[in-house]
Every structure is written in structure tokens, then in C-alpha cells.
Amino acid sequence: MEVNFMTEGVEMPRIDQAKISAWIEAVARNHGRAVGALTYVFCDDEYILATNKQFLQHDYYTDIITFDYSNSHRIAGDMVISLDTVRSNAEQLGVDYDGELLRVIIHGVLHLCGINDKGPGEREIMEQHENEALALLPENVFEK
């Protein structure tokens, strides 16, 4: 298992990377998967917009883009997360920024495990899996 955390134009979130990595591994295991190489790139809105245009031909902001390199048993991929969009989504939804960040972090992992959220009824299924994953979260995953 190799989980890497990088930044592009933003400060690294104050997450305990070892605890987050262990959490990701537990969630993947609950979905019958092992964790291979995962890279998180935390960025701003402009970086994710450029990524969205370049790789997906989408001209809009989003909170996460997941590039899936998984095979049938081992998840692997790159996940680009806009901290700007995470913050604005948290404000719109009236939820805590830290909680929204954790939801987005695990959202990408769930995509790698094969859970989709674009088709009819799939968003509710994804939310259920997100909530189950968040329930597995260890204590004190944010550094002081």
C-alpha cells in the first residue's frame, strides 16, 4: 500500500496522513479490495478546472476528479481535490469543512472500489457508502 499526498497551489490540509491511509485501507478492505498506489493532489479551483478541461474536456469546477488505474482486486489511482470547491460546498450545504473534506477523500476511494454516482439512484447508494466509511474513521485525524 502506498498513499501519497501532494499539493498544487494550496497548503497541505492538516490531516494525519498515516491515520487517513489506514482508514482508506479499511474502507477498501470492506469492499473486498486491497490498496495499491494512490495519490491525492490537493489544489485550488483553477488547477482542477485546468485538469478537468485537459483530461475530461469538461469546462467546470468540481470537488474531485478520480483517475482510476485499478485492477479487479487492487485499487490504484490519482485523485485531484479542489480545496476551494470543498470549502464552498461545505458552506452551501451548511456542514463542517473538515467533514466535507473527509467525505470527498473517501468518495474517490469508493469510485475506485466500483461505486458510481451518476446514474438513477446511484447518488443515494454512494452517500450510503460514504456514511458507512465515515463511521470507520479513527479518532483525531486532524493534526493540531
N, C-alpha and C. Protein backbone atom coordinates (compact mmCIF):
# COMPACT_ATOMS: atom_id res chain seq x y z
N MET A 1 0.85 -1.18 0.00
CA MET A 1 0.00 0.00 0.00
C MET A 1 0.88 1.23 0.00
N GLU A 2 0.52 2.16 -0.88
CA GLU A 2 1.25 3.41 -0.95
C GLU A 2 0.27 4.54 -1.21
N VAL A 3 0.07 5.39 -0.20
CA VAL A 3 -0.82 6.54 -0.34
C VAL A 3 0.04 7.79 -0.22
N ASN A 4 0.01 8.61 -1.26
CA ASN A 4 0.80 9.84 -1.29
C ASN A 4 -0.13 11.04 -1.27
N PHE A 5 0.31 12.09 -0.61
CA PHE A 5 -0.45 13.33 -0.52
C PHE A 5 0.43 14.47 -1.02
N MET A 6 -0.08 15.21 -2.00
CA MET A 6 0.68 16.31 -2.60
C MET A 6 -0.22 17.55 -2.67
N THR A 7 0.41 18.69 -2.97
CA THR A 7 -0.37 19.91 -3.14
C THR A 7 0.06 20.62 -4.42
N GLU A 8 -0.87 21.40 -4.95
CA GLU A 8 -0.63 22.29 -6.09
C GLU A 8 -1.29 23.62 -5.78
N GLY A 9 -0.50 24.59 -5.34
CA GLY A 9 -1.00 25.94 -5.13
C GLY A 9 -1.79 26.16 -3.86
N VAL A 10 -1.82 25.18 -2.96
CA VAL A 10 -2.52 25.30 -1.68
C VAL A 10 -1.65 24.71 -0.58
N GLU A 11 -2.00 25.03 0.66
CA GLU A 11 -1.31 24.39 1.79
C GLU A 11 -1.89 22.99 2.01
N MET A 12 -1.04 22.10 2.47
CA MET A 12 -1.48 20.74 2.77
C MET A 12 -2.53 20.79 3.89
N PRO A 13 -3.67 20.11 3.69
CA PRO A 13 -4.64 20.03 4.80
C PRO A 13 -3.98 19.41 6.02
N ARG A 14 -4.46 19.77 7.18
CA ARG A 14 -3.83 19.33 8.44
C ARG A 14 -4.28 17.92 8.85
N ILE A 15 -4.30 17.02 7.88
CA ILE A 15 -4.71 15.65 8.15
C ILE A 15 -3.52 14.83 8.65
N ASP A 16 -3.83 13.86 9.49
CA ASP A 16 -2.83 12.87 9.91
C ASP A 16 -2.78 11.83 8.79
N GLN A 17 -1.76 11.92 7.97
CA GLN A 17 -1.69 11.10 6.77
C GLN A 17 -1.66 9.61 7.06
N ALA A 18 -1.01 9.21 8.14
CA ALA A 18 -0.96 7.79 8.49
C ALA A 18 -2.36 7.27 8.87
N LYS A 19 -3.09 8.06 9.65
CA LYS A 19 -4.45 7.63 10.05
C LYS A 19 -5.39 7.61 8.85
N ILE A 20 -5.27 8.60 7.97
CA ILE A 20 -6.12 8.65 6.77
C ILE A 20 -5.79 7.44 5.88
N SER A 21 -4.52 7.12 5.74
CA SER A 21 -4.12 5.97 4.92
C SER A 21 -4.68 4.67 5.49
N ALA A 22 -4.62 4.50 6.80
CA ALA A 22 -5.16 3.30 7.44
C ALA A 22 -6.67 3.23 7.25
N TRP A 23 -7.34 4.37 7.33
CA TRP A 23 -8.79 4.43 7.11
C TRP A 23 -9.13 4.02 5.68
N ILE A 24 -8.40 4.56 4.73
CA ILE A 24 -8.61 4.21 3.32
C ILE A 24 -8.46 2.71 3.12
N GLU A 25 -7.43 2.13 3.74
CA GLU A 25 -7.20 0.69 3.63
C GLU A 25 -8.37 -0.10 4.21
N ALA A 26 -8.89 0.35 5.34
CA ALA A 26 -10.03 -0.34 5.98
C ALA A 26 -11.27 -0.27 5.09
N VAL A 27 -11.52 0.89 4.50
CA VAL A 27 -12.69 1.05 3.63
C VAL A 27 -12.55 0.15 2.39
N ALA A 28 -11.38 0.16 1.79
CA ALA A 28 -11.14 -0.68 0.61
C ALA A 28 -11.33 -2.16 0.97
N ARG A 29 -10.81 -2.56 2.11
CA ARG A 29 -10.93 -3.95 2.56
C ARG A 29 -12.41 -4.33 2.74
N ASN A 30 -13.22 -3.41 3.26
CA ASN A 30 -14.65 -3.66 3.42
C ASN A 30 -15.35 -3.86 2.08
N HIS A 31 -14.73 -3.38 1.01
CA HIS A 31 -15.28 -3.55 -0.34
C HIS A 31 -14.54 -4.65 -1.11
N GLY A 32 -13.79 -5.47 -0.38
CA GLY A 32 -13.11 -6.61 -0.99
C GLY A 32 -11.91 -6.24 -1.84
N ARG A 33 -11.32 -5.09 -1.55
CA ARG A 33 -10.19 -4.61 -2.35
C ARG A 33 -8.97 -4.35 -1.47
N ALA A 34 -7.81 -4.47 -2.09
CA ALA A 34 -6.56 -4.07 -1.46
C ALA A 34 -6.18 -2.70 -2.02
N VAL A 35 -5.30 -2.01 -1.33
CA VAL A 35 -4.87 -0.69 -1.77
C VAL A 35 -3.50 -0.79 -2.41
N GLY A 36 -3.41 -0.30 -3.62
CA GLY A 36 -2.13 -0.18 -4.32
C GLY A 36 -1.61 1.24 -4.18
N ALA A 37 -1.20 1.83 -5.27
CA ALA A 37 -0.67 3.19 -5.26
C ALA A 37 -1.80 4.21 -5.45
N LEU A 38 -1.98 5.06 -4.46
CA LEU A 38 -2.96 6.14 -4.53
C LEU A 38 -2.22 7.46 -4.34
N THR A 39 -2.58 8.44 -5.12
CA THR A 39 -2.02 9.78 -4.95
C THR A 39 -3.16 10.78 -4.87
N TYR A 40 -3.14 11.57 -3.82
CA TYR A 40 -4.07 12.69 -3.66
C TYR A 40 -3.31 13.97 -3.99
N VAL A 41 -3.90 14.78 -4.84
CA VAL A 41 -3.35 16.10 -5.15
C VAL A 41 -4.38 17.12 -4.68
N PHE A 42 -4.05 17.84 -3.61
CA PHE A 42 -4.92 18.91 -3.12
C PHE A 42 -4.55 20.17 -3.86
N CYS A 43 -5.56 20.87 -4.38
CA CYS A 43 -5.29 22.02 -5.25
C CYS A 43 -6.34 23.10 -5.05
N ASP A 44 -6.24 24.14 -5.89
CA ASP A 44 -7.24 25.20 -5.90
C ASP A 44 -8.18 25.01 -7.09
N ASP A 45 -9.18 25.89 -7.20
CA ASP A 45 -10.17 25.76 -8.27
C ASP A 45 -9.55 25.87 -9.65
N GLU A 46 -8.60 26.75 -9.83
CA GLU A 46 -8.02 26.94 -11.16
C GLU A 46 -7.29 25.69 -11.64
N TYR A 47 -6.59 25.02 -10.73
CA TYR A 47 -5.87 23.80 -11.09
C TYR A 47 -6.85 22.68 -11.47
N ILE A 48 -7.92 22.53 -10.70
CA ILE A 48 -8.86 21.44 -11.03
C ILE A 48 -9.63 21.76 -12.31
N LEU A 49 -9.91 23.04 -12.55
CA LEU A 49 -10.58 23.41 -13.80
C LEU A 49 -9.69 23.07 -14.99
N ALA A 50 -8.41 23.40 -14.89
CA ALA A 50 -7.47 23.08 -15.97
C ALA A 50 -7.36 21.57 -16.17
N THR A 51 -7.33 20.82 -15.09
CA THR A 51 -7.27 19.35 -15.16
C THR A 51 -8.54 18.80 -15.80
N ASN A 52 -9.68 19.34 -15.41
CA ASN A 52 -10.96 18.89 -15.95
C ASN A 52 -11.03 19.15 -17.45
N LYS A 53 -10.57 20.31 -17.88
CA LYS A 53 -10.56 20.64 -19.31
C LYS A 53 -9.59 19.74 -20.08
N GLN A 54 -8.38 19.60 -19.54
CA GLN A 54 -7.33 18.86 -20.25
C GLN A 54 -7.65 17.38 -20.41
N PHE A 55 -8.11 16.74 -19.36
CA PHE A 55 -8.26 15.29 -19.38
C PHE A 55 -9.68 14.81 -19.65
N LEU A 56 -10.68 15.61 -19.30
CA LEU A 56 -12.07 15.17 -19.44
C LEU A 56 -12.89 16.04 -20.39
N GLN A 57 -12.28 17.10 -20.89
CA GLN A 57 -12.97 18.05 -21.77
C GLN A 57 -14.23 18.62 -21.11
N HIS A 58 -14.16 18.82 -19.78
CA HIS A 58 -15.25 19.43 -19.01
C HIS A 58 -14.82 20.84 -18.62
N ASP A 59 -15.66 21.82 -18.88
CA ASP A 59 -15.33 23.21 -18.58
C ASP A 59 -16.10 23.68 -17.35
N TYR A 60 -15.84 23.01 -16.22
CA TYR A 60 -16.48 23.43 -14.98
C TYR A 60 -15.64 22.99 -13.79
N TYR A 61 -15.91 23.65 -12.65
CA TYR A 61 -15.24 23.31 -11.40
C TYR A 61 -15.90 22.08 -10.81
N THR A 62 -15.13 21.34 -10.03
CA THR A 62 -15.65 20.18 -9.32
C THR A 62 -14.83 19.99 -8.06
N ASP A 63 -15.32 19.18 -7.15
CA ASP A 63 -14.56 18.96 -5.91
C ASP A 63 -13.49 17.88 -6.07
N ILE A 64 -13.75 16.87 -6.90
CA ILE A 64 -12.77 15.79 -7.06
C ILE A 64 -12.85 15.23 -8.47
N ILE A 65 -11.68 14.90 -8.98
CA ILE A 65 -11.55 14.12 -10.22
C ILE A 65 -10.74 12.90 -9.85
N THR A 66 -11.26 11.72 -10.21
CA THR A 66 -10.59 10.46 -9.89
C THR A 66 -10.13 9.79 -11.18
N PHE A 67 -8.84 9.52 -11.24
CA PHE A 67 -8.25 8.78 -12.36
C PHE A 67 -8.01 7.36 -11.85
N ASP A 68 -8.68 6.41 -12.47
CA ASP A 68 -8.71 5.03 -11.99
C ASP A 68 -7.71 4.16 -12.73
N TYR A 69 -6.74 3.59 -11.99
CA TYR A 69 -5.76 2.66 -12.54
C TYR A 69 -5.88 1.29 -11.86
N SER A 70 -7.05 1.00 -11.31
CA SER A 70 -7.26 -0.22 -10.53
C SER A 70 -7.34 -1.45 -11.41
N ASN A 71 -7.08 -2.60 -10.79
CA ASN A 71 -7.41 -3.87 -11.43
C ASN A 71 -8.52 -4.50 -10.60
N SER A 72 -8.85 -5.72 -10.84
CA SER A 72 -10.03 -6.30 -10.20
C SER A 72 -9.93 -6.41 -8.68
N HIS A 73 -8.73 -6.49 -8.13
CA HIS A 73 -8.60 -6.69 -6.68
C HIS A 73 -7.90 -5.55 -5.97
N ARG A 74 -7.13 -4.75 -6.69
CA ARG A 74 -6.30 -3.72 -6.06
C ARG A 74 -6.68 -2.36 -6.64
N ILE A 75 -7.07 -1.44 -5.73
CA ILE A 75 -7.38 -0.10 -6.20
C ILE A 75 -6.10 0.71 -6.35
N ALA A 76 -6.09 1.54 -7.37
CA ALA A 76 -4.96 2.44 -7.63
C ALA A 76 -5.50 3.63 -8.41
N GLY A 77 -4.94 4.78 -8.16
CA GLY A 77 -5.39 5.94 -8.91
C GLY A 77 -4.86 7.24 -8.38
N ASP A 78 -5.16 8.28 -9.13
CA ASP A 78 -4.84 9.66 -8.74
C ASP A 78 -6.15 10.38 -8.49
N MET A 79 -6.19 11.13 -7.40
CA MET A 79 -7.38 11.90 -7.07
C MET A 79 -6.99 13.35 -6.87
N VAL A 80 -7.59 14.22 -7.65
CA VAL A 80 -7.32 15.65 -7.59
C VAL A 80 -8.50 16.28 -6.87
N ILE A 81 -8.23 16.99 -5.77
CA ILE A 81 -9.28 17.56 -4.93
C ILE A 81 -9.08 19.06 -4.82
N SER A 82 -10.11 19.82 -5.23
CA SER A 82 -10.07 21.28 -5.07
C SER A 82 -10.53 21.65 -3.67
N LEU A 83 -9.62 22.18 -2.87
CA LEU A 83 -9.98 22.62 -1.53
C LEU A 83 -10.91 23.82 -1.58
N ASP A 84 -10.81 24.64 -2.63
CA ASP A 84 -11.73 25.77 -2.80
C ASP A 84 -13.17 25.27 -2.94
N THR A 85 -13.37 24.27 -3.81
CA THR A 85 -14.71 23.74 -4.03
C THR A 85 -15.21 22.98 -2.81
N VAL A 86 -14.33 22.26 -2.13
CA VAL A 86 -14.73 21.58 -0.89
C VAL A 86 -15.26 22.61 0.10
N ARG A 87 -14.55 23.75 0.22
CA ARG A 87 -14.97 24.80 1.15
C ARG A 87 -16.32 25.40 0.74
N SER A 88 -16.47 25.73 -0.55
CA SER A 88 -17.74 26.33 -0.98
C SER A 88 -18.89 25.33 -0.87
N ASN A 89 -18.64 24.06 -1.15
CA ASN A 89 -19.68 23.04 -0.98
C ASN A 89 -20.09 22.92 0.48
N ALA A 90 -19.11 22.93 1.38
CA ALA A 90 -19.41 22.84 2.82
C ALA A 90 -20.28 24.02 3.25
N GLU A 91 -19.95 25.21 2.76
CA GLU A 91 -20.74 26.39 3.10
C GLU A 91 -22.16 26.27 2.54
N GLN A 92 -22.29 25.85 1.29
CA GLN A 92 -23.62 25.70 0.66
C GLN A 92 -24.47 24.67 1.38
N LEU A 93 -23.83 23.59 1.81
CA LEU A 93 -24.56 22.50 2.48
C LEU A 93 -24.76 22.74 3.97
N GLY A 94 -24.07 23.75 4.51
CA GLY A 94 -24.15 24.03 5.93
C GLY A 94 -23.50 22.97 6.78
N VAL A 95 -22.38 22.40 6.27
CA VAL A 95 -21.66 21.37 7.01
C VAL A 95 -20.24 21.84 7.30
N ASP A 96 -19.59 21.14 8.18
CA ASP A 96 -18.23 21.44 8.59
C ASP A 96 -17.25 21.16 7.45
N TYR A 97 -16.31 22.07 7.23
CA TYR A 97 -15.32 21.90 6.16
C TYR A 97 -14.53 20.61 6.33
N ASP A 98 -14.06 20.32 7.54
CA ASP A 98 -13.26 19.10 7.77
C ASP A 98 -14.06 17.85 7.41
N GLY A 99 -15.31 17.82 7.79
CA GLY A 99 -16.16 16.68 7.47
C GLY A 99 -16.38 16.53 5.97
N GLU A 100 -16.56 17.65 5.29
CA GLU A 100 -16.74 17.61 3.84
C GLU A 100 -15.47 17.14 3.16
N LEU A 101 -14.31 17.59 3.64
CA LEU A 101 -13.03 17.14 3.08
C LEU A 101 -12.88 15.63 3.22
N LEU A 102 -13.21 15.09 4.38
CA LEU A 102 -13.12 13.64 4.59
C LEU A 102 -14.08 12.90 3.66
N ARG A 103 -15.28 13.44 3.48
CA ARG A 103 -16.25 12.80 2.59
C ARG A 103 -15.71 12.76 1.16
N VAL A 104 -15.09 13.84 0.72
CA VAL A 104 -14.55 13.88 -0.65
C VAL A 104 -13.34 12.93 -0.78
N ILE A 105 -12.49 12.89 0.24
CA ILE A 105 -11.34 11.98 0.21
C ILE A 105 -11.81 10.54 0.01
N ILE A 106 -12.83 10.13 0.76
CA ILE A 106 -13.27 8.74 0.66
C ILE A 106 -14.16 8.52 -0.56
N HIS A 107 -14.78 9.57 -1.06
CA HIS A 107 -15.60 9.48 -2.27
C HIS A 107 -14.76 8.92 -3.43
N GLY A 108 -13.55 9.44 -3.58
CA GLY A 108 -12.66 8.95 -4.64
C GLY A 108 -12.32 7.48 -4.47
N VAL A 109 -12.07 7.07 -3.25
CA VAL A 109 -11.75 5.66 -2.97
C VAL A 109 -12.95 4.78 -3.33
N LEU A 110 -14.14 5.23 -3.00
CA LEU A 110 -15.34 4.45 -3.31
C LEU A 110 -15.53 4.32 -4.83
N HIS A 111 -15.22 5.38 -5.56
CA HIS A 111 -15.24 5.26 -7.03
C HIS A 111 -14.27 4.17 -7.48
N LEU A 112 -13.08 4.16 -6.90
CA LEU A 112 -12.08 3.14 -7.27
C LEU A 112 -12.55 1.74 -6.90
N CYS A 113 -13.41 1.64 -5.90
CA CYS A 113 -13.97 0.34 -5.49
C CYS A 113 -15.15 -0.06 -6.37
N GLY A 114 -15.52 0.79 -7.33
CA GLY A 114 -16.57 0.44 -8.28
C GLY A 114 -17.93 1.04 -8.01
N ILE A 115 -18.02 1.97 -7.07
CA ILE A 115 -19.32 2.59 -6.77
C ILE A 115 -19.46 3.86 -7.60
N ASN A 116 -20.56 3.96 -8.32
CA ASN A 116 -20.82 5.10 -9.19
C ASN A 116 -21.86 6.01 -8.56
N ASP A 117 -21.98 7.22 -9.12
CA ASP A 117 -22.96 8.17 -8.57
C ASP A 117 -23.64 9.03 -9.63
N LYS A 118 -23.55 8.62 -10.88
CA LYS A 118 -24.13 9.43 -11.97
C LYS A 118 -25.48 8.90 -12.46
N GLY A 119 -25.74 7.64 -12.31
CA GLY A 119 -26.98 7.05 -12.84
C GLY A 119 -28.14 7.18 -11.87
N PRO A 120 -29.34 6.79 -12.32
CA PRO A 120 -30.53 6.87 -11.46
C PRO A 120 -30.36 6.07 -10.18
N GLY A 121 -30.56 6.73 -9.05
CA GLY A 121 -30.47 6.09 -7.74
C GLY A 121 -29.06 5.87 -7.22
N GLU A 122 -28.06 6.11 -8.06
CA GLU A 122 -26.68 5.82 -7.65
C GLU A 122 -26.15 6.83 -6.62
N ARG A 123 -26.60 8.08 -6.69
CA ARG A 123 -26.12 9.09 -5.74
C ARG A 123 -26.46 8.67 -4.31
N GLU A 124 -27.67 8.15 -4.12
CA GLU A 124 -28.08 7.71 -2.78
C GLU A 124 -27.25 6.52 -2.30
N ILE A 125 -26.92 5.62 -3.22
CA ILE A 125 -26.08 4.48 -2.88
C ILE A 125 -24.68 4.97 -2.49
N MET A 126 -24.13 5.91 -3.25
CA MET A 126 -22.82 6.47 -2.93
C MET A 126 -22.85 7.13 -1.55
N GLU A 127 -23.88 7.92 -1.28
CA GLU A 127 -23.97 8.58 0.03
C GLU A 127 -24.03 7.58 1.17
N GLN A 128 -24.73 6.47 0.95
CA GLN A 128 -24.80 5.42 1.98
C GLN A 128 -23.40 4.85 2.23
N HIS A 129 -22.67 4.58 1.17
CA HIS A 129 -21.31 4.05 1.33
C HIS A 129 -20.38 5.09 1.96
N GLU A 130 -20.54 6.36 1.60
CA GLU A 130 -19.75 7.42 2.24
C GLU A 130 -20.00 7.45 3.74
N ASN A 131 -21.28 7.39 4.13
CA ASN A 131 -21.62 7.41 5.55
C ASN A 131 -21.07 6.20 6.29
N GLU A 132 -21.14 5.03 5.66
CA GLU A 132 -20.56 3.83 6.28
C GLU A 132 -19.05 3.98 6.44
N ALA A 133 -18.40 4.55 5.43
CA ALA A 133 -16.94 4.76 5.51
C ALA A 133 -16.59 5.77 6.58
N LEU A 134 -17.35 6.85 6.66
CA LEU A 134 -17.08 7.86 7.68
C LEU A 134 -17.24 7.30 9.09
N ALA A 135 -18.12 6.31 9.24
CA ALA A 135 -18.30 5.67 10.55
C ALA A 135 -17.07 4.88 10.97
N LEU A 136 -16.23 4.51 10.02
CA LEU A 136 -14.99 3.76 10.32
C LEU A 136 -13.81 4.67 10.63
N LEU A 137 -14.01 5.96 10.51
CA LEU A 137 -12.93 6.93 10.67
C LEU A 137 -12.34 6.87 12.08
N PRO A 138 -11.01 6.78 12.18
CA PRO A 138 -10.40 6.78 13.51
C PRO A 138 -10.51 8.17 14.16
N GLU A 139 -10.24 8.23 15.43
CA GLU A 139 -10.27 9.50 16.17
C GLU A 139 -9.07 10.37 15.78
N ASN A 140 -9.25 11.65 15.94
CA ASN A 140 -8.15 12.62 15.79
C ASN A 140 -7.38 12.51 14.48
N VAL A 141 -8.11 12.59 13.37
CA VAL A 141 -7.45 12.51 12.07
C VAL A 141 -6.93 13.86 11.59
N PHE A 142 -7.22 14.90 12.38
CA PHE A 142 -6.70 16.23 12.04
C PHE A 142 -5.63 16.61 13.05
N GLU A 143 -4.49 17.02 12.54
CA GLU A 143 -3.39 17.44 13.41
C GLU A 143 -3.70 18.81 13.98
N LYS A 144 -3.20 19.06 15.15
CA LYS A 144 -3.45 20.35 15.82
C LYS A 144 -2.59 21.44 15.22
